Amino acid sequence: MTLADLPAIQQLSRAEQLELVADLWDYIAARSDDDLLPVSAEEAALLDRRLAAHEAAPGSALSLDEFKRQLASRL
């Protein structure tokens, strides 16, 4: 399905479209289907490595403010 299949959405204002996106995201997030967002074995291994690295050195994580500063300096 594409946006072209839903012409009524194209007629909504930007604010209404964003509200619809938020509602759809909340609906998806509330579902408990195990296959909703399948993760490959490779992706699961990467996530496990990243979590282990964080647990080994939690102080190495950036604060939200520092992340924003670094991101802004790249733009």
N, C-alpha and C. Protein backbone atom coordinates (compact mmCIF):
# COMPACT_ATOMS: atom_id res chain seq x y z
N MET A 1 0.85 -1.17 0.00
CA MET A 1 0.00 0.00 0.00
C MET A 1 0.90 1.23 0.00
N THR A 2 0.51 2.21 -0.76
CA THR A 2 1.24 3.47 -0.82
C THR A 2 0.30 4.62 -0.53
N LEU A 3 0.87 5.79 -0.37
CA LEU A 3 0.06 6.97 -0.12
C LEU A 3 -0.91 7.23 -1.27
N ALA A 4 -0.52 6.87 -2.48
CA ALA A 4 -1.39 7.06 -3.64
C ALA A 4 -2.67 6.23 -3.52
N ASP A 5 -2.61 5.14 -2.73
CA ASP A 5 -3.79 4.30 -2.52
C ASP A 5 -4.78 4.92 -1.54
N LEU A 6 -4.37 5.98 -0.87
CA LEU A 6 -5.20 6.62 0.16
C LEU A 6 -5.35 8.11 -0.13
N PRO A 7 -6.12 8.46 -1.14
CA PRO A 7 -6.21 9.88 -1.53
C PRO A 7 -6.75 10.78 -0.43
N ALA A 8 -7.55 10.27 0.47
CA ALA A 8 -8.09 11.11 1.54
C ALA A 8 -6.97 11.65 2.42
N ILE A 9 -5.92 10.87 2.62
CA ILE A 9 -4.81 11.32 3.45
C ILE A 9 -4.08 12.49 2.78
N GLN A 10 -4.01 12.45 1.47
CA GLN A 10 -3.33 13.51 0.74
C GLN A 10 -4.06 14.85 0.89
N GLN A 11 -5.35 14.80 1.19
CA GLN A 11 -6.15 16.01 1.32
C GLN A 11 -6.06 16.62 2.72
N LEU A 12 -5.49 15.89 3.68
CA LEU A 12 -5.38 16.40 5.05
C LEU A 12 -4.34 17.50 5.12
N SER A 13 -4.48 18.36 6.11
CA SER A 13 -3.45 19.38 6.36
C SER A 13 -2.21 18.70 6.91
N ARG A 14 -1.11 19.40 6.91
CA ARG A 14 0.13 18.83 7.46
C ARG A 14 -0.06 18.43 8.92
N ALA A 15 -0.72 19.27 9.70
CA ALA A 15 -0.97 18.96 11.10
C ALA A 15 -1.82 17.69 11.25
N GLU A 16 -2.84 17.56 10.42
CA GLU A 16 -3.69 16.36 10.47
C GLU A 16 -2.91 15.12 10.05
N GLN A 17 -2.05 15.25 9.06
CA GLN A 17 -1.23 14.12 8.64
C GLN A 17 -0.29 13.69 9.76
N LEU A 18 0.32 14.66 10.44
CA LEU A 18 1.22 14.33 11.55
C LEU A 18 0.46 13.67 12.70
N GLU A 19 -0.75 14.14 12.96
CA GLU A 19 -1.57 13.52 14.01
C GLU A 19 -1.92 12.08 13.63
N LEU A 20 -2.21 11.85 12.36
CA LEU A 20 -2.49 10.51 11.89
C LEU A 20 -1.27 9.61 12.03
N VAL A 21 -0.11 10.13 11.69
CA VAL A 21 1.13 9.36 11.84
C VAL A 21 1.34 8.99 13.31
N ALA A 22 1.15 9.94 14.21
CA ALA A 22 1.32 9.68 15.64
C ALA A 22 0.33 8.62 16.11
N ASP A 23 -0.91 8.71 15.67
CA ASP A 23 -1.91 7.71 16.05
C ASP A 23 -1.54 6.33 15.52
N LEU A 24 -1.08 6.29 14.28
CA LEU A 24 -0.68 5.01 13.68
C LEU A 24 0.52 4.43 14.44
N TRP A 25 1.49 5.28 14.76
CA TRP A 25 2.67 4.81 15.51
C TRP A 25 2.25 4.26 16.87
N ASP A 26 1.37 4.97 17.58
CA ASP A 26 0.89 4.49 18.88
C ASP A 26 0.18 3.15 18.74
N TYR A 27 -0.61 3.01 17.68
CA TYR A 27 -1.32 1.75 17.44
C TYR A 27 -0.32 0.61 17.22
N ILE A 28 0.68 0.86 16.39
CA ILE A 28 1.68 -0.17 16.11
C ILE A 28 2.45 -0.52 17.37
N ALA A 29 2.86 0.49 18.13
CA ALA A 29 3.64 0.26 19.35
C ALA A 29 2.86 -0.52 20.40
N ALA A 30 1.54 -0.38 20.42
CA ALA A 30 0.72 -1.05 21.43
C ALA A 30 0.48 -2.53 21.10
N ARG A 31 0.73 -2.92 19.86
CA ARG A 31 0.51 -4.32 19.48
C ARG A 31 1.58 -5.19 20.11
N SER A 32 1.23 -6.41 20.40
CA SER A 32 2.18 -7.32 21.04
C SER A 32 2.61 -8.45 20.12
N ASP A 33 2.34 -8.32 18.84
CA ASP A 33 2.73 -9.37 17.90
C ASP A 33 4.24 -9.55 17.90
N ASP A 34 4.70 -10.80 18.04
CA ASP A 34 6.13 -11.07 18.04
C ASP A 34 6.75 -10.82 16.68
N ASP A 35 5.98 -10.96 15.64
CA ASP A 35 6.51 -10.80 14.29
C ASP A 35 6.29 -9.39 13.73
N LEU A 36 5.89 -8.47 14.60
CA LEU A 36 5.60 -7.13 14.14
C LEU A 36 6.83 -6.49 13.51
N LEU A 37 7.94 -6.56 14.19
CA LEU A 37 9.20 -6.04 13.68
C LEU A 37 10.27 -7.12 13.83
N PRO A 38 10.32 -8.04 12.88
CA PRO A 38 11.27 -9.13 13.01
C PRO A 38 12.71 -8.62 13.00
N VAL A 39 13.53 -9.26 13.81
CA VAL A 39 14.95 -8.91 13.91
C VAL A 39 15.74 -10.13 13.48
N SER A 40 16.66 -9.92 12.55
CA SER A 40 17.48 -11.03 12.08
C SER A 40 18.47 -11.42 13.18
N ALA A 41 19.07 -12.59 13.04
CA ALA A 41 20.07 -13.05 14.00
C ALA A 41 21.25 -12.09 14.03
N GLU A 42 21.62 -11.56 12.87
CA GLU A 42 22.74 -10.61 12.80
C GLU A 42 22.41 -9.32 13.55
N GLU A 43 21.19 -8.82 13.36
CA GLU A 43 20.77 -7.61 14.06
C GLU A 43 20.69 -7.84 15.56
N ALA A 44 20.17 -9.01 15.97
CA ALA A 44 20.08 -9.33 17.39
C ALA A 44 21.47 -9.40 18.01
N ALA A 45 22.44 -9.97 17.29
CA ALA A 45 23.80 -10.06 17.79
C ALA A 45 24.41 -8.67 17.94
N LEU A 46 24.16 -7.79 16.98
CA LEU A 46 24.66 -6.42 17.06
C LEU A 46 24.06 -5.70 18.27
N LEU A 47 22.76 -5.85 18.47
CA LEU A 47 22.11 -5.23 19.63
C LEU A 47 22.68 -5.77 20.93
N ASP A 48 22.92 -7.08 20.99
CA ASP A 48 23.52 -7.68 22.19
C ASP A 48 24.91 -7.11 22.45
N ARG A 49 25.72 -6.94 21.39
CA ARG A 49 27.07 -6.38 21.56
C ARG A 49 27.00 -4.94 22.05
N ARG A 50 26.09 -4.17 21.48
CA ARG A 50 25.95 -2.78 21.90
C ARG A 50 25.49 -2.66 23.35
N LEU A 51 24.55 -3.52 23.74
CA LEU A 51 24.08 -3.50 25.13
C LEU A 51 25.21 -3.90 26.07
N ALA A 52 25.97 -4.92 25.71
CA ALA A 52 27.10 -5.36 26.56
C ALA A 52 28.13 -4.25 26.68
N ALA A 53 28.42 -3.55 25.58
CA ALA A 53 29.38 -2.44 25.63
C ALA A 53 28.88 -1.33 26.54
N HIS A 54 27.60 -1.04 26.48
CA HIS A 54 27.02 -0.01 27.35
C HIS A 54 27.08 -0.44 28.81
N GLU A 55 26.73 -1.69 29.07
CA GLU A 55 26.74 -2.17 30.45
C GLU A 55 28.16 -2.20 31.02
N ALA A 56 29.16 -2.43 30.15
CA ALA A 56 30.55 -2.46 30.60
C ALA A 56 31.07 -1.06 30.90
N ALA A 57 30.54 -0.06 30.21
CA ALA A 57 31.01 1.32 30.40
C ALA A 57 29.84 2.29 30.24
N PRO A 58 28.91 2.28 31.21
CA PRO A 58 27.72 3.14 31.06
C PRO A 58 28.05 4.63 31.01
N GLY A 59 29.17 5.03 31.55
CA GLY A 59 29.56 6.43 31.53
C GLY A 59 29.98 6.93 30.16
N SER A 60 30.18 6.01 29.23
CA SER A 60 30.61 6.42 27.89
C SER A 60 29.45 6.91 27.03
N ALA A 61 28.24 6.72 27.50
CA ALA A 61 27.07 7.17 26.74
C ALA A 61 26.98 8.69 26.79
N LEU A 62 26.48 9.28 25.72
CA LEU A 62 26.30 10.72 25.66
C LEU A 62 25.01 11.13 26.34
N SER A 63 25.04 12.28 26.98
CA SER A 63 23.79 12.86 27.47
C SER A 63 23.01 13.36 26.27
N LEU A 64 21.73 13.60 26.44
CA LEU A 64 20.92 14.12 25.35
C LEU A 64 21.45 15.47 24.90
N ASP A 65 21.84 16.32 25.84
CA ASP A 65 22.37 17.64 25.48
C ASP A 65 23.65 17.52 24.67
N GLU A 66 24.56 16.63 25.08
CA GLU A 66 25.80 16.45 24.35
C GLU A 66 25.53 15.88 22.96
N PHE A 67 24.62 14.94 22.88
CA PHE A 67 24.25 14.39 21.57
C PHE A 67 23.74 15.49 20.65
N LYS A 68 22.87 16.35 21.17
CA LYS A 68 22.33 17.45 20.37
C LYS A 68 23.43 18.39 19.92
N ARG A 69 24.39 18.69 20.83
CA ARG A 69 25.50 19.58 20.47
C ARG A 69 26.33 18.97 19.34
N GLN A 70 26.64 17.67 19.47
CA GLN A 70 27.44 17.02 18.44
C GLN A 70 26.69 16.96 17.12
N LEU A 71 25.41 16.68 17.18
CA LEU A 71 24.60 16.63 15.97
C LEU A 71 24.55 18.00 15.30
N ALA A 72 24.34 19.04 16.08
CA ALA A 72 24.26 20.39 15.53
C ALA A 72 25.58 20.81 14.89
N SER A 73 26.69 20.35 15.44
CA SER A 73 27.98 20.74 14.89
C SER A 73 28.26 20.07 13.54
N ARG A 74 27.54 19.01 13.25
CA ARG A 74 27.70 18.30 11.96
C ARG A 74 26.84 18.88 10.85
N LEU A 75 25.85 19.66 11.22
CA LEU A 75 24.93 20.21 10.22
C LEU A 75 25.44 21.46 9.58
